[in-house]
Protein backbone atom coordinates (compact mmCIF):
# COMPACT_ATOMS: atom_id res chain seq x y z
CA MET A 1 0.00 0.00 0.00
CA SER A 2 1.25 3.48 -0.82
CA ASN A 3 2.34 5.81 1.93
CA TYR A 4 0.96 9.23 0.99
CA ARG A 5 2.84 12.13 2.47
CA ARG A 6 0.85 15.30 2.85
CA SER A 7 1.94 18.69 4.08
CA THR A 8 0.74 19.34 7.61
CA VAL A 9 1.42 22.99 8.35
CA PRO A 10 -1.10 24.22 10.95
CA GLY A 11 -2.94 27.31 9.75
CA GLY A 12 -1.61 26.82 6.22
CA THR A 13 -3.20 27.59 2.87
CA TRP A 14 -3.73 24.90 0.22
CA PHE A 15 -5.03 24.46 -3.31
CA PHE A 16 -7.17 21.34 -3.82
CA THR A 17 -8.69 19.37 -6.66
CA LEU A 18 -11.39 16.79 -5.90
CA THR A 19 -12.84 14.64 -8.65
CA LEU A 20 -15.82 12.37 -9.09
CA ALA A 21 -15.08 8.75 -9.94
CA ASP A 22 -17.09 9.09 -13.16
CA ARG A 23 -15.42 11.89 -15.10
CA ARG A 24 -18.41 12.04 -17.50
CA SER A 25 -20.77 12.90 -14.64
CA ARG A 26 -22.39 16.32 -14.23
CA LEU A 27 -23.50 15.56 -10.67
CA LEU A 28 -21.71 18.43 -8.93
CA VAL A 29 -23.53 21.12 -10.93
CA GLU A 30 -26.79 19.16 -11.24
CA GLU A 31 -26.89 18.79 -7.45
CA ILE A 32 -25.21 22.09 -6.58
CA ALA A 33 -27.70 22.80 -3.77
CA LEU A 34 -26.79 19.53 -2.02
CA LEU A 35 -23.09 20.23 -2.53
CA ARG A 36 -23.48 23.72 -1.04
CA GLN A 37 -25.37 22.24 1.90
CA ALA A 38 -22.61 19.66 2.52
CA TYR A 39 -19.99 22.41 2.20
CA GLY A 40 -21.81 24.57 4.72
CA GLN A 41 -22.21 21.71 7.18
CA THR A 42 -18.50 20.92 6.88
CA LEU A 43 -17.58 24.58 7.38
CA GLN A 44 -19.77 24.78 10.47
CA ALA A 45 -18.41 21.56 12.00
CA ARG A 46 -14.75 22.15 11.09
CA PRO A 47 -14.13 25.86 10.29
CA PHE A 48 -11.82 27.04 7.52
CA ARG A 49 -11.62 30.02 5.19
CA THR A 50 -12.36 29.62 1.47
CA LEU A 51 -10.15 31.96 -0.56
CA ALA A 52 -11.35 30.71 -3.96
CA ILE A 53 -13.56 27.92 -5.29
CA CYS A 54 -14.98 26.71 -8.57
CA ILE A 55 -17.40 23.82 -9.00
CA LEU A 56 -17.37 22.09 -12.39
CA PRO A 57 -19.56 19.19 -13.50
CA ASP A 58 -17.16 16.40 -12.45
CA HIS A 59 -14.59 18.10 -10.21
CA LEU A 60 -13.97 21.10 -8.03
CA HIS A 61 -11.05 23.33 -7.15
CA ALA A 62 -10.73 25.19 -3.86
CA ILE A 63 -8.18 27.18 -1.92
CA TRP A 64 -8.53 26.96 1.83
CA THR A 65 -6.77 28.48 4.82
CA LEU A 66 -7.14 26.50 8.03
CA PRO A 67 -7.31 27.95 11.54
CA GLU A 68 -4.11 28.47 13.50
CA GLY A 69 -2.96 25.21 15.05
CA ASP A 70 -5.03 23.06 12.67
CA ALA A 71 -3.74 21.15 9.62
CA ASP A 72 -6.54 18.58 9.16
CA TYR A 73 -7.83 19.39 5.68
CA SER A 74 -8.15 15.67 4.92
CA GLY A 75 -10.74 15.27 7.68
CA ARG A 76 -12.70 18.22 6.30
CA TRP A 77 -12.73 16.83 2.75
CA SER A 78 -13.72 13.42 4.08
CA LEU A 79 -16.65 14.98 5.95
CA LEU A 80 -17.74 17.00 2.92
CA LYS A 81 -17.52 14.03 0.54
CA SER A 82 -19.42 11.70 2.89
CA THR A 83 -22.10 14.31 3.69
CA PHE A 84 -22.72 14.91 -0.02
CA SER A 85 -22.56 11.19 -0.92
CA ARG A 86 -25.24 10.20 1.61
CA HIS A 87 -27.87 11.59 -0.75
CA PHE A 88 -27.07 9.10 -3.53
CA PRO A 89 -27.18 5.34 -3.98
CA ALA A 90 -23.90 3.48 -4.19
CA SER A 91 -22.46 2.95 -7.65
CA PHE A 92 -20.45 -0.10 -8.68
CA ARG A 93 -17.93 -0.70 -5.92
CA THR A 94 -14.83 -2.79 -5.64
CA ALA A 95 -14.36 -5.04 -2.62
CA SER A 96 -11.93 -2.46 -1.23
CA LYS A 97 -14.49 0.36 -1.50
CA THR A 98 -17.15 -1.82 0.10
CA ARG A 99 -14.82 -2.66 3.02
CA LYS A 100 -14.04 1.03 3.51
CA ARG A 101 -17.76 1.94 3.29
CA GLU A 102 -17.21 4.11 0.22
CA LYS A 103 -20.05 4.60 -2.25
CA GLY A 104 -17.74 4.99 -5.20
CA LEU A 105 -19.03 8.47 -6.05
CA TRP A 106 -15.70 10.27 -5.57
CA GLN A 107 -12.18 9.37 -6.54
CA ARG A 108 -10.61 8.08 -3.38
CA ARG A 109 -7.93 10.71 -2.98
CA PHE A 110 -7.51 14.36 -3.88
CA TRP A 111 -4.78 16.64 -5.15
CA GLU A 112 -3.34 19.18 -2.72
CA HIS A 113 -0.65 21.80 -3.05
CA GLN A 114 0.53 23.96 -0.19
CA ILE A 115 0.56 27.62 -1.20
CA ARG A 116 4.11 28.96 -0.80
CA ASP A 117 3.77 32.72 -1.15
CA ALA A 118 1.60 35.56 -2.51
CA THR A 119 2.63 34.89 -6.14
CA ASP A 120 1.79 31.20 -5.82
CA LEU A 121 -1.56 32.11 -4.27
CA GLN A 122 -2.42 34.52 -7.09
CA ARG A 123 -1.51 31.95 -9.77
CA HIS A 124 -3.76 29.36 -8.14
CA VAL A 125 -6.67 31.77 -7.60
CA ASP A 126 -6.44 32.68 -11.30
CA TYR A 127 -6.36 28.98 -12.21
CA VAL A 128 -9.43 28.24 -10.09
CA HIS A 129 -11.41 31.06 -11.69
CA PHE A 130 -10.26 30.35 -15.27
CA ASN A 131 -11.00 26.61 -15.10
CA PRO A 132 -14.51 26.67 -16.67
CA VAL A 133 -13.04 28.43 -19.73
CA LYS A 134 -10.13 25.99 -19.84
CA HIS A 135 -12.57 23.09 -19.97
CA GLY A 136 -14.68 24.73 -22.69
CA LEU A 137 -17.76 25.12 -20.51
CA VAL A 138 -18.01 28.89 -21.18
CA ASN A 139 -16.18 31.48 -23.26
CA SER A 140 -15.96 33.98 -20.41
CA VAL A 141 -15.19 33.44 -16.74
CA ALA A 142 -18.12 35.73 -15.92
CA ASN A 143 -20.54 33.24 -17.53
CA TRP A 144 -19.81 30.39 -15.10
CA PRO A 145 -22.14 30.66 -12.08
CA HIS A 146 -20.42 28.24 -9.67
CA SER A 147 -17.27 30.22 -8.91
CA SER A 148 -15.92 32.61 -6.31
CA TYR A 149 -14.90 34.81 -9.26
CA HIS A 150 -18.21 36.67 -8.82
CA ARG A 151 -17.32 37.46 -5.19
CA TYR A 152 -13.96 38.83 -6.36
CA VAL A 153 -15.76 41.10 -8.86
CA GLU A 154 -18.18 42.36 -6.16
CA LYS A 155 -15.22 43.22 -3.92
CA GLY A 156 -13.45 45.04 -6.77
CA LEU A 157 -10.57 42.55 -6.84
CA LEU A 158 -11.24 41.50 -10.46
CA SER A 159 -12.92 43.25 -13.36
CA GLN A 160 -16.13 41.91 -14.91
CA ASP A 161 -14.27 41.16 -18.16
CA TRP A 162 -11.23 39.47 -16.53
CA ALA A 163 -9.91 36.58 -18.66
CA GLY A 164 -12.85 36.67 -21.03
CA SER A 165 -11.42 34.35 -23.66
CA ASN A 166 -10.01 30.85 -23.86
CA THR A 167 -6.38 31.88 -23.40
CA ALA A 168 -4.41 29.55 -21.13
CA ILE A 169 -3.42 31.00 -17.75
CA GLY A 170 -0.76 28.75 -16.33
CA SER A 171 -0.55 25.00 -16.09
CA PHE A 172 -1.18 23.21 -12.84
CA GLY A 173 -1.58 19.60 -11.68
CA GLU A 174 -5.17 18.68 -12.28
């Protein structure tokens, strides 16, 4: 069995990618209300700060900062995934997934990257917001409803026409 090594800096900031097991699924946007509810319940039970987020049909990207003295982002993602998954029947499961009481809705693990500095944070925030354009879901970031981009515009941090075309902004591990 693999020994996954994750960064455990209390109060740190991380970029995450979580993906559904079925990459053809549109479940995350079709059931966005349930996902928001699970997110809210997780946030209430295990506080953190969301710096940026974008929900796509089959995966999501988020940037979180955890409270001082706390580095347990894995526990938070586990809670969110299980809370959301409870609303759906189990899909085809391997013996391993059955033993671990997994429904098979999500890919088992997730991608995480610890944010190193302000430049790294800005690159990842841009990536999160540009992702719907990158995947061809919209031609303009402003046209994707499930993104913190709109909050950035309201706060005057980004313009309404920011990154309006399908021009690549960086390359990250997705």
